[in-house]
């Protein structure tokens, strides 16, 4: 009879130890985020550094006009897009995109060629492809505002680009 009582106590002890181990394991997995982990979505913020490069900062034959670099970038809908602009051009420029609800003007570089540094942000609320351009260089339709300005074949459009907003 002592054997059966001893087995019950061992069983209870085994059961209690097992429960404690399982509870600790489950809590550990929760803390580590392994259980109930939601699939990772896009980050809340997107950071972009955009440069305005005048012709003397570009490879020979690349463009006779200032250009944005990069000219195209991709973000996700709902992201807060933090933009840092390094303007190496000797004139003020802007990032204008009616589709994104943005019109931000930034200062020129210093006469010594030190770029101005500006920051702005916008929220990418809608999916699609949105054109942006410099409002000083283009009209509100994105067409050139400088009469007679043309680009050689293969050159990038002057101070224009596209933002692709994914879902």
Foldseek 3Di string as FASTA:
>chain_A
DVVVVVVVVVVVVVVVVVVVVVVVVVVVCVVVCNPPNDPDDFDQAAEEEKEWAAPVRDPPQQWNGTAIPPQEEEEAANHKYKYKYWYQAQAKWWKDWVVQPDTGIDGHAPPVRGTGIDIDIGGRHDFDKTKIFTVVQAPPVRHGPDPPDDIDPPHDDHGMHIYGYHD
